Amino acid sequence: MRLLSGNPGMYQHSVEHSTEGETAQHEPEHGEDTIARVKGLVKAPLKRSRSTADGTDEDSQEQLQDQLLESGGPEEEQRTDNTSLLRLLEEGEKIQHMYRCARVQGLDTSEGLLLFGKEHFYVIDGYTMTVSREIRDIDTLPPNLHEAIIPRGARQGQSQLKRTCSIFAYEDIKEVHKRRYLLQPMAVEVFSADGRNYLLAFQKGVRNKVYQRFLAVVPSLADSSESVSGQRPNTSVEQGSGLLSTLVGEKSVTQRWERGEISNFQYLMHLNTLAGRSYNDLMQYPVFPWILADFDSEELDLNNPKTFRNLAKPMGAQTDDRLTQYKKRYKDWEDPNGETPAYHYGTHYSSAMIVASYLVRMEPFTQIFLRLQGGHFDLADRMFHSVREAWLSASKHNMADVKELIPEFFYLPEFLLNSNNFDLGAKQNGTKLGDVILPPWAKGDPREFIRVHREVGELEGSNK
């Protein structure tokens, strides 16, 4: 199906005569996957008609075929791709804009198309738009005719995501944020009122056009003074402009938090959103801090300052001896010319491996961990098996470990249990790994650990 552009600023696809008298086509500019009109990509409403022997509506089938034949795609395989795509659209839908995209989930990406219709937008996996502006099933394309949005090797192994077709009504969209992906400003994250949120990556130069398209079809994104995340919807998380006012303004997240309108947990989640962190990207997963330092007592003494982690310092500076060692290492690594080395204590607090290691007892994170580890679990002595040992490693004993926590430590007791009975191995001292060993004050109950941990995190003075 040929897709014709009605906007000269998009999809420049001109024809000129070469010096040898032959016709030469210009390639579209890199990353320009936008179209203003899609000829033939219209799904007409169904009407009453007689049925054929196989139960389909004869008139509807003829009508659909007419639309596809109009598009100028003579090849049978191409018509099949178009038919498959049209069947996924709402009845009477008319697609007005189309972009190639890659849906990001965990370590996986699934390439497809982002379609903007009259009242809905669609994220359809498994289809692409070729250089010649034909809609094709990715699996049927030769490698030389398809350039992936996410280069091969950028992620671990082949994508394990199942193909999906997701439909969103414009009226249900609550937030759209610009995001970084693979350290590049190439993605947006869309939040729907029904709880769904998608992280979509695009080719270079396309992301901002997609973002503006969302603002055009969902005016409330630009008009609303407050969003679900507590920020103005058009606040950029990539630039300093506007971000400070979002944090400290009258209707800001910080003001609402200080007035007690939102909990400490909600406030930290808002900060993660403002920082561009997402559950969809393990490399930018939400980060929560260690808040306790006592994992030995039978009962927590909340009046003793030593019960709490020092939130004024990063994990690399929780003890004086540890801070001294990091300063010495910093000095030893200093460039002879006096330039500052690119090393900072306490900054490497989150990664895909850290997230997967915490959640290794739960699927799909078990499989994610195995993919990152080459198909096997790590040595048992290095696995996450005790909350106390994890704290001592990150705050005192291990100079290579400065990791913080993830939100699940405050609401999800199941991740502490080896309910699937995975064989995680045994430590050198013979201890077989199973459920995570909890501190004494948790009474051996993961739910009690989460309850106490969350309660401590919501103490009135914990924001000081």
Protein backbone atom coordinates (compact mmCIF):
# COMPACT_ATOMS: atom_id res chain seq x y z
CA MET A 1 0.00 0.00 0.00
CA ARG A 2 1.42 3.30 -1.06
CA LEU A 3 1.28 6.04 1.56
CA LEU A 4 1.10 9.55 0.17
CA SER A 5 2.28 12.52 2.16
CA GLY A 6 0.29 15.72 2.23
CA ASN A 7 2.82 17.71 4.25
CA PRO A 8 5.96 18.96 2.48
CA GLY A 9 7.75 19.06 5.81
CA MET A 10 7.28 15.34 6.18
CA TYR A 11 8.35 12.46 4.01
CA GLN A 12 10.04 14.23 1.17
CA HIS A 13 9.84 11.68 -1.65
CA SER A 14 10.51 13.44 -4.91
CA VAL A 15 11.38 12.13 -8.37
CA GLU A 16 13.92 13.65 -10.72
CA HIS A 17 15.73 12.63 -13.87
CA SER A 18 19.31 11.52 -13.56
CA THR A 19 22.02 12.59 -15.94
CA GLU A 20 21.63 9.30 -17.78
CA GLY A 21 17.96 9.93 -18.44
CA GLU A 22 16.78 7.35 -15.91
CA THR A 23 14.32 8.06 -13.14
CA ALA A 24 15.89 8.20 -9.68
CA GLN A 25 14.02 8.19 -6.38
CA HIS A 26 15.23 10.08 -3.34
CA GLU A 27 15.20 8.26 -0.03
CA PRO A 28 13.18 9.90 2.76
CA GLU A 29 15.21 11.73 5.33
CA HIS A 30 16.50 9.53 8.13
CA GLY A 31 13.91 9.03 10.82
CA GLU A 32 11.05 10.68 8.94
CA ASP A 33 8.27 8.15 9.32
CA THR A 34 5.40 10.64 9.53
CA ILE A 35 2.62 10.79 6.98
CA ALA A 36 -0.14 13.33 6.82
CA ARG A 37 -2.53 11.20 4.80
CA VAL A 38 -2.72 7.46 4.37
CA LYS A 39 -4.40 6.62 1.09
CA GLY A 40 -6.54 3.51 1.35
CA LEU A 41 -5.96 2.98 5.11
CA VAL A 42 -9.61 3.45 5.99
CA LYS A 43 -11.81 0.84 7.59
CA ALA A 44 -15.40 1.50 6.62
CA PRO A 45 -18.27 0.74 9.02
CA LEU A 46 -19.83 -2.67 8.71
CA LYS A 47 -23.28 -2.85 7.11
CA ARG A 48 -25.93 -5.53 6.95
CA SER A 49 -25.17 -7.99 4.18
CA ARG A 50 -25.52 -11.63 3.22
CA SER A 51 -23.06 -14.14 4.55
CA THR A 52 -20.89 -16.48 2.55
CA ALA A 53 -20.45 -20.16 3.19
CA ASP A 54 -17.55 -19.57 5.59
CA GLY A 55 -19.58 -17.15 7.72
CA THR A 56 -18.04 -13.89 6.48
CA ASP A 57 -19.95 -10.92 5.07
CA GLU A 58 -19.58 -10.92 1.31
CA ASP A 59 -20.22 -7.19 0.89
CA SER A 60 -17.79 -6.31 3.67
CA GLN A 61 -15.10 -8.49 2.14
CA GLU A 62 -15.63 -6.85 -1.28
CA GLN A 63 -15.55 -3.40 0.29
CA LEU A 64 -12.29 -4.15 2.11
CA GLN A 65 -10.69 -5.54 -1.02
CA ASP A 66 -11.69 -2.43 -2.97
CA GLN A 67 -9.94 -0.25 -0.40
CA LEU A 68 -6.78 -2.31 -0.61
CA LEU A 69 -6.76 -2.40 -4.40
CA GLU A 70 -7.11 1.40 -4.44
CA SER A 71 -3.87 1.71 -2.58
CA GLY A 72 -1.86 0.50 -5.55
CA GLY A 73 -0.23 -2.54 -3.92
CA PRO A 74 -0.34 -5.22 -6.61
CA GLU A 75 1.58 -7.92 -4.80
CA GLU A 76 -0.45 -10.59 -3.06
CA GLU A 77 1.83 -10.67 -0.01
CA GLN A 78 1.54 -6.92 0.42
CA ARG A 79 -2.26 -7.03 0.16
CA THR A 80 -2.27 -9.73 2.86
CA ASP A 81 -0.25 -7.47 5.19
CA ASN A 82 -2.64 -4.59 4.59
CA THR A 83 -5.67 -6.78 5.22
CA SER A 84 -4.22 -8.07 8.48
CA LEU A 85 -3.54 -4.53 9.66
CA LEU A 86 -6.99 -3.23 8.72
CA ARG A 87 -8.67 -5.97 10.68
CA LEU A 88 -7.06 -4.62 13.85
CA LEU A 89 -8.66 -1.16 13.53
CA GLU A 90 -11.96 0.06 14.93
CA GLU A 91 -14.90 0.06 12.51
CA GLY A 92 -15.06 3.29 10.53
CA GLU A 93 -11.53 4.24 11.56
CA LYS A 94 -9.49 6.60 9.40
CA ILE A 95 -5.79 6.76 10.06
CA GLN A 96 -4.36 10.27 9.77
CA HIS A 97 -0.76 9.89 10.97
CA MET A 98 1.62 6.97 11.21
CA TYR A 99 5.05 6.48 12.81
CA ARG A 100 7.40 3.56 13.11
CA CYS A 101 8.08 2.75 16.75
CA ALA A 102 9.54 0.16 19.10
CA ARG A 103 7.62 -0.78 22.25
CA VAL A 104 10.01 -1.19 25.18
CA GLN A 105 9.31 -3.61 28.02
CA GLY A 106 12.08 -4.70 30.35
CA LEU A 107 14.96 -6.00 28.25
CA ASP A 108 12.77 -6.54 25.21
CA THR A 109 11.60 -4.36 22.38
CA SER A 110 8.89 -5.07 19.84
CA GLU A 111 8.94 -2.99 16.68
CA GLY A 112 5.69 -1.91 15.11
CA LEU A 113 3.57 1.07 14.11
CA LEU A 114 1.99 3.93 16.04
CA LEU A 115 -1.21 4.99 14.28
CA PHE A 116 -3.29 8.08 15.03
CA GLY A 117 -6.97 7.78 14.08
CA LYS A 118 -10.04 9.91 14.65
CA GLU A 119 -10.72 9.05 18.28
CA HIS A 120 -8.12 6.39 19.04
CA PHE A 121 -4.45 5.70 18.62
CA TYR A 122 -3.01 2.24 18.06
CA VAL A 123 0.26 0.53 18.93
CA ILE A 124 0.51 -2.48 16.61
CA ASP A 125 3.47 -4.83 16.92
CA GLY A 126 5.05 -6.65 14.01
CA TYR A 127 4.45 -4.20 11.15
CA THR A 128 6.69 -1.60 9.61
CA MET A 129 6.73 1.00 6.88
CA THR A 130 9.41 0.45 4.27
CA VAL A 131 11.49 3.07 2.47
CA SER A 132 9.07 2.81 -0.43
CA ARG A 133 6.26 3.60 2.03
CA GLU A 134 4.63 0.20 2.01
CA ILE A 135 3.15 -1.39 5.12
CA ARG A 136 4.73 -4.82 5.57
CA ASP A 137 4.85 -7.58 8.14
CA ILE A 138 8.38 -7.43 9.59
CA ASP A 139 8.75 -11.21 9.66
CA THR A 140 8.26 -11.42 5.88
CA LEU A 141 10.82 -8.75 5.00
CA PRO A 142 14.37 -9.62 3.92
CA PRO A 143 16.95 -8.13 6.32
CA ASN A 144 18.26 -5.75 3.64
CA LEU A 145 14.82 -4.12 3.33
CA HIS A 146 14.37 -3.39 7.02
CA GLU A 147 16.51 -1.22 9.30
CA ALA A 148 15.54 -1.83 12.92
CA ILE A 149 14.84 1.17 15.17
CA ILE A 150 16.76 -0.49 17.99
CA PRO A 151 20.02 -1.85 16.54
CA ARG A 152 20.75 -5.54 16.96
CA GLY A 153 22.95 -6.03 19.98
CA ALA A 154 21.51 -3.06 21.89
CA ARG A 155 19.47 -5.55 23.89
CA GLN A 156 20.28 -9.03 25.21
CA GLY A 157 19.16 -11.68 22.72
CA GLN A 158 16.00 -11.88 20.66
CA SER A 159 12.86 -10.15 21.87
CA GLN A 160 10.51 -12.46 23.76
CA LEU A 161 7.50 -10.12 23.66
CA LYS A 162 4.34 -11.46 22.11
CA ARG A 163 2.76 -9.44 19.33
CA THR A 164 -0.03 -7.22 20.57
CA CYS A 165 -2.41 -4.63 19.18
CA SER A 166 -3.28 -2.01 21.77
CA ILE A 167 -6.04 0.55 21.29
CA PHE A 168 -6.24 3.73 23.37
CA ALA A 169 -9.03 6.29 23.32
CA TYR A 170 -7.70 9.84 23.30
CA GLU A 171 -10.02 10.76 26.17
CA ASP A 172 -8.35 8.12 28.37
CA ILE A 173 -4.81 9.49 27.99
CA LYS A 174 -3.69 11.12 31.23
CA GLU A 175 -0.02 11.82 30.64
CA VAL A 176 2.60 11.77 27.91
CA HIS A 177 6.25 12.37 28.81
CA LYS A 178 9.41 12.67 26.77
CA ARG A 179 11.90 10.00 27.74
CA ARG A 180 15.46 8.94 27.13
CA TYR A 181 16.15 5.40 25.94
CA LEU A 182 19.63 3.93 25.57
CA LEU A 183 20.83 7.35 26.77
CA GLN A 184 19.25 9.02 23.72
CA PRO A 185 16.29 11.47 23.59
CA MET A 186 14.28 9.12 21.40
CA ALA A 187 11.21 7.95 23.36
CA VAL A 188 7.88 8.96 24.87
CA GLU A 189 5.93 7.27 27.65
CA VAL A 190 2.14 7.28 27.50
CA PHE A 191 -0.05 6.79 30.59
CA SER A 192 -3.69 5.74 30.26
CA ALA A 193 -6.51 6.03 32.81
CA ASP A 194 -6.96 2.24 32.80
CA GLY A 195 -3.45 1.72 34.23
CA ARG A 196 -1.65 0.89 30.99
CA ASN A 197 1.52 2.76 30.15
CA TYR A 198 3.76 2.26 27.12
CA LEU A 199 7.34 3.35 26.52
CA LEU A 200 7.76 3.89 22.78
CA ALA A 201 11.11 4.53 21.07
CA PHE A 202 11.51 6.15 17.65
CA GLN A 203 14.17 6.85 15.08
CA LYS A 204 16.31 9.93 15.46
CA GLY A 205 14.42 13.17 14.95
CA VAL A 206 10.92 11.68 15.22
CA ARG A 207 10.24 11.75 18.97
CA ASN A 208 9.38 15.45 19.23
CA LYS A 209 6.93 15.21 16.33
CA VAL A 210 5.16 12.33 18.03
CA TYR A 211 4.99 14.29 21.27
CA GLN A 212 3.49 17.30 19.49
CA ARG A 213 0.98 14.99 17.79
CA PHE A 214 -0.17 13.75 21.20
CA LEU A 215 -0.58 17.35 22.38
CA ALA A 216 -2.67 18.06 19.29
CA VAL A 217 -5.05 15.11 19.69
CA VAL A 218 -5.29 15.31 23.51
CA PRO A 219 -5.66 19.04 24.29
CA SER A 220 -6.03 18.34 28.01
CA LEU A 221 -2.34 17.40 28.14
CA ALA A 222 -1.38 21.00 27.42
CA ASP A 223 -4.26 22.68 29.27
CA SER A 224 -4.21 20.77 32.55
CA SER A 225 -2.36 22.49 35.39
CA GLU A 226 -1.75 19.24 37.23
CA SER A 227 -1.19 15.63 36.18
CA VAL A 228 -1.27 12.23 37.80
CA SER A 229 2.46 12.43 38.49
CA GLY A 230 2.00 15.78 40.20
CA GLN A 231 3.75 17.80 37.51
CA ARG A 232 2.58 19.96 34.66
CA PRO A 233 2.10 17.64 31.69
CA ASN A 234 4.38 19.63 29.40
CA THR A 235 7.30 19.72 31.84
CA SER A 236 10.53 18.54 30.26
CA VAL A 237 12.47 16.00 32.30
CA GLU A 238 15.51 16.44 30.06
CA GLN A 239 16.18 20.12 30.59
CA GLY A 240 16.42 22.34 33.64
CA SER A 241 13.86 24.78 32.28
CA GLY A 242 10.54 24.42 34.07
CA LEU A 243 11.61 21.47 36.21
CA LEU A 244 12.56 23.52 39.28
CA SER A 245 9.25 25.37 39.28
CA THR A 246 7.47 22.04 39.04
CA LEU A 247 9.21 20.90 42.20
CA VAL A 248 8.84 24.05 44.29
CA GLY A 249 5.80 25.89 42.89
CA GLU A 250 2.53 26.42 44.77
CA LYS A 251 0.91 23.38 43.15
CA SER A 252 4.13 21.41 42.96
CA VAL A 253 4.81 17.90 44.15
CA THR A 254 6.97 19.20 46.99
CA GLN A 255 4.31 21.61 48.24
CA ARG A 256 1.65 18.90 48.17
CA TRP A 257 4.00 16.57 50.03
CA GLU A 258 4.85 19.14 52.69
CA ARG A 259 1.16 19.83 53.26
CA GLY A 260 0.56 16.10 53.76
CA GLU A 261 -1.60 15.75 50.65
CA ILE A 262 0.51 12.87 49.34
CA SER A 263 2.49 10.18 51.15
CA ASN A 264 6.25 9.80 51.22
CA PHE A 265 5.90 6.80 48.91
CA GLN A 266 3.87 8.83 46.40
CA TYR A 267 6.35 11.70 46.60
CA LEU A 268 9.29 9.42 45.78
CA MET A 269 7.36 7.89 42.88
CA HIS A 270 6.68 11.41 41.55
CA LEU A 271 10.38 12.25 41.77
CA ASN A 272 11.21 9.08 39.85
CA THR A 273 8.73 10.07 37.15
CA LEU A 274 10.18 13.56 36.96
CA ALA A 275 13.65 12.05 36.63
CA GLY A 276 12.51 10.03 33.61
CA ARG A 277 12.53 6.66 35.35
CA SER A 278 10.08 3.98 34.23
CA TYR A 279 8.99 0.46 35.15
CA ASN A 280 9.21 -0.29 31.42
CA ASP A 281 12.99 0.23 31.24
CA LEU A 282 15.16 -1.83 33.59
CA MET A 283 18.10 0.51 32.95
CA GLN A 284 16.04 3.41 34.29
CA TYR A 285 13.94 1.59 36.87
CA PRO A 286 12.49 3.59 39.80
CA VAL A 287 14.91 3.95 42.72
CA PHE A 288 14.03 4.06 46.43
CA PRO A 289 16.53 4.64 49.24
CA TRP A 290 17.61 2.44 52.09
CA ILE A 291 15.91 4.03 55.11
CA LEU A 292 16.92 1.68 57.94
CA ALA A 293 20.32 0.66 59.32
CA ASP A 294 19.12 -1.78 61.99
CA PHE A 295 18.56 -5.27 60.67
CA ASP A 296 19.63 -7.09 63.87
CA SER A 297 17.14 -6.09 66.58
CA GLU A 298 14.04 -8.03 67.58
CA GLU A 299 12.18 -4.73 67.81
CA LEU A 300 12.98 -1.43 66.11
CA ASP A 301 13.72 1.52 68.38
CA LEU A 302 12.35 4.42 66.37
CA ASN A 303 13.69 6.90 68.96
CA ASN A 304 17.28 5.85 68.32
CA PRO A 305 18.95 7.78 65.45
CA LYS A 306 21.21 4.80 64.77
CA THR A 307 18.15 2.84 63.66
CA PHE A 308 18.00 4.92 60.49
CA ARG A 309 20.21 5.26 57.46
CA ASN A 310 21.85 8.68 57.05
CA LEU A 311 19.89 10.11 54.12
CA ALA A 312 22.20 13.12 53.96
CA LYS A 313 24.94 10.90 52.53
CA PRO A 314 25.06 8.46 49.60
CA MET A 315 25.67 4.77 50.18
CA GLY A 316 29.38 5.20 49.53
CA ALA A 317 29.71 7.48 52.54
CA GLN A 318 27.62 5.74 55.19
CA THR A 319 30.72 5.05 57.33
CA ASP A 320 33.76 7.27 57.88
CA ASP A 321 36.16 4.47 56.95
CA ARG A 322 34.34 3.79 53.69
CA LEU A 323 34.30 7.47 52.78
CA THR A 324 38.04 7.70 53.47
CA GLN A 325 38.69 4.77 51.13
CA TYR A 326 36.63 6.31 48.35
CA LYS A 327 38.42 9.65 48.71
CA LYS A 328 41.77 7.88 48.55
CA ARG A 329 40.68 6.00 45.41
CA TYR A 330 39.46 9.26 43.91
CA LYS A 331 42.81 10.91 44.56
CA ASP A 332 44.77 7.93 43.20
CA TRP A 333 42.74 8.05 39.98
CA GLU A 334 43.15 11.80 39.51
CA ASP A 335 44.61 12.76 36.17
CA PRO A 336 48.26 13.94 36.34
CA ASN A 337 47.15 17.12 34.59
CA GLY A 338 44.75 17.86 37.44
CA GLU A 339 41.54 16.99 35.60
CA THR A 340 38.74 15.41 37.60
CA PRO A 341 38.37 11.63 37.12
CA ALA A 342 35.04 10.28 35.99
CA TYR A 343 34.41 8.40 39.24
CA HIS A 344 31.97 9.32 41.98
CA TYR A 345 31.17 7.32 45.07
CA GLY A 346 27.54 6.35 45.45
CA THR A 347 26.29 7.07 41.93
CA HIS A 348 26.02 3.53 40.48
CA TYR A 349 22.90 2.72 42.47
CA SER A 350 20.69 1.16 39.82
CA SER A 351 20.96 -1.05 36.74
CA ALA A 352 19.08 -3.84 34.99
CA MET A 353 21.17 -6.41 36.86
CA ILE A 354 20.48 -4.81 40.24
CA VAL A 355 16.73 -4.81 39.59
CA ALA A 356 16.76 -8.40 38.31
CA SER A 357 18.89 -9.58 41.25
CA TYR A 358 16.42 -8.18 43.78
CA LEU A 359 13.43 -9.71 41.96
CA VAL A 360 15.11 -12.94 40.84
CA ARG A 361 12.62 -15.16 42.71
CA MET A 362 9.68 -13.78 40.69
CA GLU A 363 8.83 -14.17 37.03
CA PRO A 364 9.46 -12.64 34.57
CA PHE A 365 12.52 -11.34 36.41
CA THR A 366 13.91 -14.85 36.90
CA GLN A 367 14.20 -15.24 33.13
CA ILE A 368 15.56 -11.70 32.79
CA PHE A 369 18.27 -12.49 35.35
CA LEU A 370 19.17 -15.69 33.51
CA ARG A 371 19.43 -13.81 30.21
CA LEU A 372 21.77 -11.27 31.78
CA GLN A 373 23.83 -14.06 33.34
CA GLY A 374 24.22 -16.13 30.20
CA GLY A 375 21.57 -18.70 31.09
CA HIS A 376 22.53 -19.60 34.66
CA PHE A 377 22.20 -18.18 38.17
CA ASP A 378 25.12 -16.34 39.72
CA LEU A 379 27.31 -17.88 42.41
CA ALA A 380 25.16 -18.32 45.51
CA ASP A 381 27.44 -16.15 47.64
CA ARG A 382 26.80 -13.24 45.29
CA MET A 383 23.01 -13.69 45.06
CA PHE A 384 20.56 -11.53 47.00
CA HIS A 385 19.63 -13.80 49.90
CA SER A 386 19.52 -11.65 53.06
CA VAL A 387 18.26 -8.11 53.68
CA ARG A 388 20.87 -7.62 56.39
CA GLU A 389 23.74 -8.84 54.22
CA ALA A 390 22.56 -6.66 51.32
CA TRP A 391 22.61 -3.60 53.59
CA LEU A 392 26.09 -4.36 54.97
CA SER A 393 27.44 -4.98 51.48
CA ALA A 394 26.09 -1.70 50.07
CA SER A 395 26.86 0.48 53.09
CA LYS A 396 30.07 -0.94 54.55
CA HIS A 397 31.81 -4.07 53.27
CA ASN A 398 31.87 -4.05 49.47
CA MET A 399 33.59 -1.11 47.78
CA ALA A 400 32.01 -2.11 44.45
CA ASP A 401 28.47 -2.10 45.87
CA VAL A 402 26.58 1.15 46.44
CA LYS A 403 23.13 0.07 45.25
CA GLU A 404 19.93 1.50 46.66
CA LEU A 405 16.53 -0.23 46.78
CA ILE A 406 13.56 -0.52 44.43
CA PRO A 407 9.89 0.34 45.20
CA GLU A 408 8.95 -3.33 45.69
CA PHE A 409 10.69 -3.26 49.10
CA PHE A 410 7.79 -1.10 50.28
CA TYR A 411 4.75 -2.90 48.85
CA LEU A 412 5.43 -6.39 47.42
CA PRO A 413 6.15 -9.19 49.94
CA GLU A 414 5.98 -11.90 47.26
CA PHE A 415 9.39 -11.00 45.81
CA LEU A 416 11.00 -12.15 49.07
CA LEU A 417 9.68 -15.71 48.69
CA ASN A 418 11.05 -18.47 46.48
CA SER A 419 7.51 -19.66 45.72
CA ASN A 420 8.61 -21.26 42.44
CA ASN A 421 11.27 -23.33 44.23
CA PHE A 422 14.08 -22.25 41.92
CA ASP A 423 17.39 -23.97 42.55
CA LEU A 424 19.49 -20.96 43.49
CA GLY A 425 22.42 -23.01 44.69
CA ALA A 426 24.24 -23.16 48.02
CA LYS A 427 26.80 -20.85 49.61
CA GLN A 428 30.34 -21.95 50.41
CA ASN A 429 29.30 -22.57 54.02
CA GLY A 430 26.64 -25.02 52.81
CA THR A 431 23.63 -22.73 53.28
CA LYS A 432 21.07 -23.48 50.57
CA LEU A 433 19.37 -20.39 49.13
CA GLY A 434 15.58 -20.17 49.23
CA ASP A 435 13.42 -17.39 50.64
CA VAL A 436 15.17 -14.11 51.46
CA ILE A 437 16.39 -14.04 55.06
CA LEU A 438 14.52 -11.26 56.88
CA PRO A 439 15.65 -9.17 59.88
CA PRO A 440 14.47 -10.39 63.32
CA TRP A 441 11.92 -7.58 63.67
CA ALA A 442 10.03 -8.97 60.66
CA LYS A 443 9.21 -12.15 62.66
CA GLY A 444 9.96 -14.32 59.64
CA ASP A 445 6.96 -12.93 57.74
CA PRO A 446 7.50 -11.06 54.42
CA ARG A 447 4.20 -9.22 54.90
CA GLU A 448 5.34 -8.01 58.31
CA PHE A 449 8.62 -6.85 56.80
CA ILE A 450 6.79 -4.83 54.15
CA ARG A 451 4.33 -3.43 56.71
CA VAL A 452 7.04 -2.24 59.09
CA HIS A 453 9.29 -1.00 56.29
CA ARG A 454 6.46 1.01 54.73
CA GLU A 455 5.35 2.34 58.13
CA VAL A 456 8.86 3.56 58.91
CA GLY A 457 9.02 5.16 55.47
CA GLU A 458 5.86 7.13 56.21
CA LEU A 459 6.94 8.45 59.61
CA GLU A 460 6.24 12.17 59.99
CA GLY A 461 9.89 12.98 60.50
CA SER A 462 11.22 10.82 57.69
CA ASN A 463 11.19 13.73 55.27
CA LYS A 464 13.61 15.76 57.34
